Amino acid sequence: MATKRRRYGSRFKKAALGRGASLEDPFAQDSQKQVQHPNGPEYSPLLMVSLEVRERIYNYLLKSQRSIIVAEDWLKVERSPLQNHAVVQTCKQISEECTNFIYKNNEFHALLRTTNPNRLACVEPAFIDAKYISLFRYTIIECPANNWDFSWYEKAASAVEKLVEARAFLVSLTFIVTPQRVSHSTTAIGLEANPIAFSNFFWFPGRLMKAVQSLNCQILNVVIKKQGKRFAISVDTKFLPKEETAIASGLRTDPVFLKSIMEKENRTVEELAKLMERFEEIFQDDEKAVLEGKCRLLNNAEDSTSIGGLARKK
């Protein structure tokens, strides 16, 4: 009797998702087997406890220490550590709560690459319904070392623009880059076809930084991989000026409050404008950059979830 070969790849397997399944019902086994149980404690004893208690249960079952790997469009799931849990199938209300919890409390990691990480897996891919991108709170965009020409700049910018279009309210957006060379060039605005330096990704007038300025995000992180070490730059982006912030309100009419907000907005814009310069300083002399407070050296215990502020709650 022949032994079965072990399959590698996405944890969203057919057994968990079924053909054509999506993360709208993250663990649906069949499109014909949607949750049809009525709501109520008599059908779902879990509803007898408070939402706070239920969310503690969801935190144990549906929150992962590792990122969910997706394509740059945020829709195709390439790899996920989440498992099939019957709690999602309990009833319609709990199914909706679980779905919202998964998107709001897990980290989605867009890996910009051409190779298929599931090339050895005999599984069909899972997909996220675009309407759930608005629920994302923790996101990563990673540009590997071999992907550093202008096309990858465009993909990174497009990934941020999709978050803006979805009106996501992020806690953190983290860029992870492995630079090959730095210095400014006109490739950042598409005037040349030469390979782009990673520092140009953060050129303030460029497409990527314009998208970042339009994004509702509390913290922007940039992680730079260099010679086996990792350096992080963090910018508080809560006070980035947005069109909606110009709407008059009671507080906005207070001159003292308005002055304070404008100072914070200007300081945030200045930090973003200097991001490319800080990036180049790290590349040229990382020890000096750390000493001057331009960045911090990450230790081995700090992974993407801790950098992005998604440490698991005890």
Protein backbone atom coordinates (compact mmCIF):
# COMPACT_ATOMS: atom_id res chain seq x y z
CA MET A 1 0.00 0.00 0.00
CA ALA A 2 1.52 3.32 -1.05
CA THR A 3 2.12 5.86 1.65
CA LYS A 4 0.41 9.22 1.38
CA ARG A 5 2.58 12.20 0.65
CA ARG A 6 2.41 15.03 3.13
CA ARG A 7 1.09 18.27 1.64
CA TYR A 8 2.71 21.55 2.47
CA GLY A 9 1.41 25.06 2.08
CA SER A 10 -1.59 27.06 3.15
CA ARG A 11 -3.38 26.08 6.33
CA PHE A 12 -6.60 27.14 4.58
CA LYS A 13 -7.08 23.64 3.11
CA LYS A 14 -10.07 22.20 1.30
CA ALA A 15 -11.15 20.60 4.56
CA ALA A 16 -11.37 24.04 6.08
CA LEU A 17 -12.59 26.17 3.21
CA GLY A 18 -13.86 23.99 0.39
CA ARG A 19 -13.83 24.90 -3.27
CA GLY A 20 -14.40 28.54 -4.03
CA ALA A 21 -14.63 29.37 -0.35
CA SER A 22 -13.64 32.77 0.92
CA LEU A 23 -12.85 34.37 4.22
CA GLU A 24 -16.35 35.81 4.36
CA ASP A 25 -17.03 32.62 6.28
CA PRO A 26 -13.39 31.88 7.20
CA PHE A 27 -13.85 28.17 7.80
CA ALA A 28 -16.84 27.21 5.64
CA GLN A 29 -16.52 23.59 4.53
CA ASP A 30 -19.09 23.84 1.78
CA SER A 31 -20.88 26.70 0.10
CA GLN A 32 -24.16 24.84 0.70
CA LYS A 33 -23.51 24.56 4.44
CA GLN A 34 -23.89 28.15 5.54
CA VAL A 35 -24.82 28.96 9.12
CA GLN A 36 -28.63 28.79 9.35
CA HIS A 37 -29.11 28.28 13.08
CA PRO A 38 -31.26 31.02 14.67
CA ASN A 39 -29.70 33.27 17.28
CA GLY A 40 -30.50 32.76 20.93
CA PRO A 41 -29.13 31.07 24.07
CA GLU A 42 -31.37 28.04 23.54
CA TYR A 43 -29.54 27.30 20.27
CA SER A 44 -26.15 28.80 21.12
CA PRO A 45 -25.28 28.63 24.83
CA LEU A 46 -22.28 30.81 24.04
CA LEU A 47 -24.72 33.73 23.75
CA MET A 48 -25.56 33.31 27.44
CA VAL A 49 -22.24 34.93 28.34
CA SER A 50 -21.32 38.54 27.69
CA LEU A 51 -19.62 39.76 24.51
CA GLU A 52 -16.51 40.53 26.57
CA VAL A 53 -16.26 36.90 27.64
CA ARG A 54 -16.96 35.66 24.11
CA GLU A 55 -14.18 37.85 22.74
CA ARG A 56 -11.77 36.33 25.27
CA ILE A 57 -12.75 32.93 23.85
CA TYR A 58 -12.27 34.20 20.28
CA ASN A 59 -8.88 35.58 21.31
CA TYR A 60 -7.83 32.07 22.34
CA LEU A 61 -9.25 30.33 19.27
CA LEU A 62 -9.01 32.81 16.40
CA LYS A 63 -5.95 34.97 17.05
CA SER A 64 -2.58 33.83 15.77
CA GLN A 65 0.94 34.72 16.84
CA ARG A 66 1.97 34.50 13.19
CA SER A 67 0.91 36.64 10.24
CA ILE A 68 -1.59 35.67 7.57
CA ILE A 69 0.40 35.86 4.32
CA VAL A 70 -1.50 37.45 1.43
CA ALA A 71 -0.73 38.74 -2.06
CA GLU A 72 -0.20 42.46 -2.68
CA ASP A 73 -3.91 42.90 -3.51
CA TRP A 74 -4.77 41.76 0.08
CA LEU A 75 -7.29 39.29 -1.37
CA LYS A 76 -5.44 36.05 -2.10
CA VAL A 77 -4.42 34.12 1.01
CA GLU A 78 -1.11 32.35 0.43
CA ARG A 79 -0.56 31.00 3.92
CA SER A 80 -2.47 31.18 7.19
CA PRO A 81 -1.87 29.66 10.64
CA LEU A 82 -5.58 29.71 11.50
CA GLN A 83 -7.31 26.40 12.04
CA ASN A 84 -10.84 25.16 11.42
CA HIS A 85 -12.97 25.95 14.50
CA ALA A 86 -16.57 24.83 14.92
CA VAL A 87 -17.30 27.98 16.92
CA VAL A 88 -17.61 29.87 13.60
CA GLN A 89 -20.52 27.59 12.63
CA THR A 90 -22.44 28.01 15.89
CA CYS A 91 -25.02 30.53 14.69
CA LYS A 92 -25.27 33.60 12.46
CA GLN A 93 -24.49 36.12 15.22
CA ILE A 94 -21.42 34.27 16.45
CA SER A 95 -20.28 33.65 12.88
CA GLU A 96 -20.38 37.42 12.24
CA GLU A 97 -18.58 38.15 15.51
CA CYS A 98 -15.86 35.60 14.70
CA THR A 99 -15.38 36.93 11.17
CA ASN A 100 -15.00 40.51 12.42
CA PHE A 101 -12.65 39.33 15.16
CA ILE A 102 -10.38 37.49 12.72
CA TYR A 103 -9.87 40.54 10.51
CA LYS A 104 -9.50 43.06 13.33
CA ASN A 105 -7.15 41.04 15.52
CA ASN A 106 -4.80 39.22 13.16
CA GLU A 107 -1.92 40.60 11.17
CA PHE A 108 -2.10 40.56 7.36
CA HIS A 109 1.28 40.37 5.67
CA ALA A 110 1.43 41.33 1.97
CA LEU A 111 4.58 39.72 0.58
CA LEU A 112 5.59 41.28 -2.74
CA ARG A 113 7.21 38.47 -4.69
CA THR A 114 6.86 36.58 -7.94
CA THR A 115 7.47 33.05 -6.67
CA ASN A 116 4.54 31.02 -5.43
CA PRO A 117 5.13 29.88 -1.82
CA ASN A 118 2.56 27.11 -2.30
CA ARG A 119 4.09 25.56 -5.39
CA LEU A 120 4.38 22.22 -3.56
CA ALA A 121 0.85 22.33 -2.20
CA CYS A 122 -2.01 20.59 -3.97
CA VAL A 123 -4.64 22.93 -2.52
CA GLU A 124 -6.87 25.56 -3.97
CA PRO A 125 -6.19 29.13 -2.79
CA ALA A 126 -8.46 30.95 -0.38
CA PHE A 127 -9.64 34.49 -0.99
CA ILE A 128 -10.71 37.41 1.16
CA ASP A 129 -13.84 39.29 0.19
CA ALA A 130 -12.79 42.87 -0.61
CA LYS A 131 -15.40 44.29 1.76
CA TYR A 132 -13.43 42.95 4.74
CA ILE A 133 -10.27 44.91 3.96
CA SER A 134 -11.87 47.81 5.85
CA LEU A 135 -11.66 45.69 9.02
CA PHE A 136 -7.87 45.28 8.84
CA ARG A 137 -6.04 46.80 11.80
CA TYR A 138 -2.51 45.36 11.55
CA THR A 139 -0.77 45.18 8.17
CA ILE A 140 2.71 44.51 6.79
CA ILE A 141 4.09 45.12 3.29
CA GLU A 142 7.39 43.32 2.68
CA CYS A 143 9.69 43.88 -0.29
CA PRO A 144 12.33 41.10 -0.49
CA ALA A 145 15.92 41.79 -1.53
CA ASN A 146 15.48 40.60 -5.11
CA ASN A 147 12.43 42.80 -5.72
CA TRP A 148 13.75 46.34 -5.83
CA ASP A 149 13.01 47.81 -9.21
CA PHE A 150 10.31 50.31 -10.17
CA SER A 151 7.60 47.67 -10.64
CA TRP A 152 7.85 46.72 -6.97
CA TYR A 153 7.58 50.36 -5.97
CA GLU A 154 4.33 50.45 -7.94
CA LYS A 155 3.06 47.30 -6.24
CA ALA A 156 3.84 48.65 -2.78
CA ALA A 157 2.09 51.93 -3.58
CA SER A 158 -0.91 50.08 -5.00
CA ALA A 159 -1.16 47.96 -1.83
CA VAL A 160 -1.36 51.09 0.34
CA GLU A 161 -3.85 52.72 -2.04
CA LYS A 162 -6.15 49.70 -1.69
CA LEU A 163 -6.16 50.20 2.09
CA VAL A 164 -7.01 53.87 1.55
CA GLU A 165 -9.84 53.00 -0.86
CA ALA A 166 -11.26 50.49 1.63
CA ARG A 167 -11.22 53.18 4.35
CA ALA A 168 -9.35 50.92 6.72
CA PHE A 169 -8.49 52.35 10.14
CA LEU A 170 -5.14 50.78 10.89
CA VAL A 171 -3.37 50.52 14.20
CA SER A 172 -0.11 49.94 12.35
CA LEU A 173 1.35 49.66 8.86
CA THR A 174 4.83 48.12 8.71
CA PHE A 175 7.16 48.14 5.71
CA ILE A 176 9.91 45.50 5.73
CA VAL A 177 12.69 46.13 3.21
CA THR A 178 16.10 44.67 2.37
CA PRO A 179 17.93 47.46 0.53
CA GLN A 180 20.55 46.79 -2.11
CA ARG A 181 21.65 50.36 -2.57
CA VAL A 182 20.44 53.86 -1.70
CA SER A 183 20.46 57.46 -2.97
CA HIS A 184 17.76 59.44 -4.72
CA SER A 185 16.99 58.97 -8.39
CA THR A 186 14.27 60.03 -10.77
CA THR A 187 12.99 56.46 -11.00
CA ALA A 188 10.84 57.29 -7.98
CA ILE A 189 8.59 59.34 -10.25
CA GLY A 190 8.94 57.07 -13.26
CA LEU A 191 11.28 59.22 -15.33
CA GLU A 192 13.86 56.46 -15.71
CA ALA A 193 13.67 52.71 -16.10
CA ASN A 194 16.74 52.03 -13.96
CA PRO A 195 16.40 49.93 -10.82
CA ILE A 196 15.07 51.98 -7.93
CA ALA A 197 16.89 52.25 -4.61
CA PHE A 198 14.81 51.34 -1.59
CA SER A 199 15.33 54.76 -0.07
CA ASN A 200 13.33 56.17 -2.99
CA PHE A 201 10.33 54.19 -1.78
CA PHE A 202 10.09 56.81 0.96
CA TRP A 203 10.64 59.85 -1.23
CA PHE A 204 8.05 62.28 0.15
CA PRO A 205 6.54 63.56 -3.14
CA GLY A 206 6.32 60.02 -4.56
CA ARG A 207 3.23 57.89 -5.09
CA LEU A 208 3.84 55.65 -2.07
CA MET A 209 4.24 58.44 0.49
CA LYS A 210 1.22 60.26 -0.95
CA ALA A 211 -0.82 57.12 -0.32
CA VAL A 212 0.58 56.83 3.22
CA GLN A 213 -0.47 60.42 3.92
CA SER A 214 -4.04 59.57 2.87
CA LEU A 215 -4.19 56.48 5.07
CA ASN A 216 -5.91 56.36 8.45
CA CYS A 217 -3.12 54.79 10.49
CA GLN A 218 -1.81 55.31 14.02
CA ILE A 219 1.77 54.07 13.60
CA LEU A 220 3.97 53.71 10.52
CA ASN A 221 6.93 51.34 10.96
CA VAL A 222 9.83 50.77 8.59
CA VAL A 223 12.02 47.72 9.27
CA ILE A 224 15.35 47.66 7.42
CA LYS A 225 17.24 44.39 7.09
CA LYS A 226 20.98 44.91 6.77
CA GLN A 227 23.76 42.33 7.10
CA GLY A 228 21.87 40.07 9.50
CA LYS A 229 20.60 42.96 11.63
CA ARG A 230 17.24 44.69 11.67
CA PHE A 231 16.62 48.38 12.31
CA ALA A 232 13.26 50.01 12.91
CA ILE A 233 11.96 53.50 12.33
CA SER A 234 8.55 54.38 13.80
CA VAL A 235 6.46 57.45 13.05
CA ASP A 236 3.31 58.41 14.93
CA THR A 237 0.87 59.15 12.10
CA LYS A 238 -2.31 59.72 14.11
CA PHE A 239 -2.14 63.44 13.45
CA LEU A 240 -1.58 63.34 9.71
CA PRO A 241 -3.89 66.00 8.23
CA LYS A 242 -6.86 64.48 6.43
CA GLU A 243 -9.66 66.10 4.50
CA GLU A 244 -12.22 65.01 7.06
CA THR A 245 -10.28 66.67 9.88
CA ALA A 246 -11.12 70.05 8.38
CA ILE A 247 -14.79 69.55 9.25
CA ALA A 248 -15.75 72.17 11.77
CA SER A 249 -16.52 70.92 15.26
CA GLY A 250 -16.89 72.42 18.68
CA LEU A 251 -13.26 71.71 19.54
CA ARG A 252 -12.02 72.91 16.15
CA THR A 253 -13.35 76.38 16.94
CA ASP A 254 -11.13 76.56 20.04
CA PRO A 255 -7.96 78.47 18.98
CA VAL A 256 -5.79 76.74 21.59
CA PHE A 257 -6.94 73.29 20.51
CA LEU A 258 -6.60 74.17 16.84
CA LYS A 259 -3.04 75.42 17.32
CA SER A 260 -2.09 72.24 19.19
CA ILE A 261 -3.50 70.02 16.44
CA MET A 262 -1.79 71.98 13.68
CA GLU A 263 1.55 71.73 15.47
CA LYS A 264 1.16 67.96 15.74
CA GLU A 265 0.13 67.69 12.09
CA ASN A 266 3.14 69.73 10.95
CA ARG A 267 5.50 67.67 13.12
CA THR A 268 4.16 64.42 11.63
CA VAL A 269 4.54 65.69 8.06
CA GLU A 270 8.12 66.79 8.82
CA GLU A 271 8.95 63.32 10.17
CA LEU A 272 7.60 61.65 7.05
CA ALA A 273 9.48 64.09 4.83
CA LYS A 274 12.74 63.10 6.57
CA LEU A 275 12.07 59.36 6.33
CA MET A 276 14.16 58.85 3.19
CA GLU A 277 17.07 60.77 4.73
CA ARG A 278 16.96 58.63 7.89
CA PHE A 279 16.84 55.52 5.74
CA GLU A 280 20.02 56.52 3.91
CA GLU A 281 21.80 57.34 7.19
CA ILE A 282 21.04 53.83 8.48
CA PHE A 283 22.40 52.28 5.33
CA GLN A 284 25.60 54.34 5.44
CA ASP A 285 26.37 54.04 9.18
CA ASP A 286 23.82 52.10 11.21
CA GLU A 287 25.73 52.35 14.51
CA LYS A 288 25.79 56.13 14.30
CA ALA A 289 22.11 56.21 13.35
CA VAL A 290 21.21 54.14 16.43
CA LEU A 291 23.30 56.37 18.73
CA GLU A 292 21.68 59.50 17.31
CA GLY A 293 18.19 58.07 17.82
CA LYS A 294 17.41 57.87 14.11
CA CYS A 295 16.35 54.24 14.53
CA ARG A 296 16.52 51.36 16.97
CA LEU A 297 18.19 47.99 16.67
CA LEU A 298 15.69 45.14 16.96
CA ASN A 299 16.55 42.14 19.07
CA ASN A 300 15.91 38.55 18.03
CA ALA A 301 12.80 38.29 20.21
CA GLU A 302 11.01 41.08 18.32
CA ASP A 303 9.03 39.68 15.41
CA SER A 304 6.60 41.41 13.07
CA THR A 305 3.67 41.13 15.48
CA SER A 306 5.51 42.80 18.33
CA ILE A 307 6.82 45.54 16.03
CA GLY A 308 3.33 46.17 14.72
CA GLY A 309 1.85 46.30 18.21
CA LEU A 310 -0.01 42.99 18.00
CA ALA A 311 1.45 41.12 20.98
CA ARG A 312 -1.01 38.50 22.16
CA LYS A 313 -3.04 39.53 25.18
CA LYS A 314 -2.71 37.22 28.13
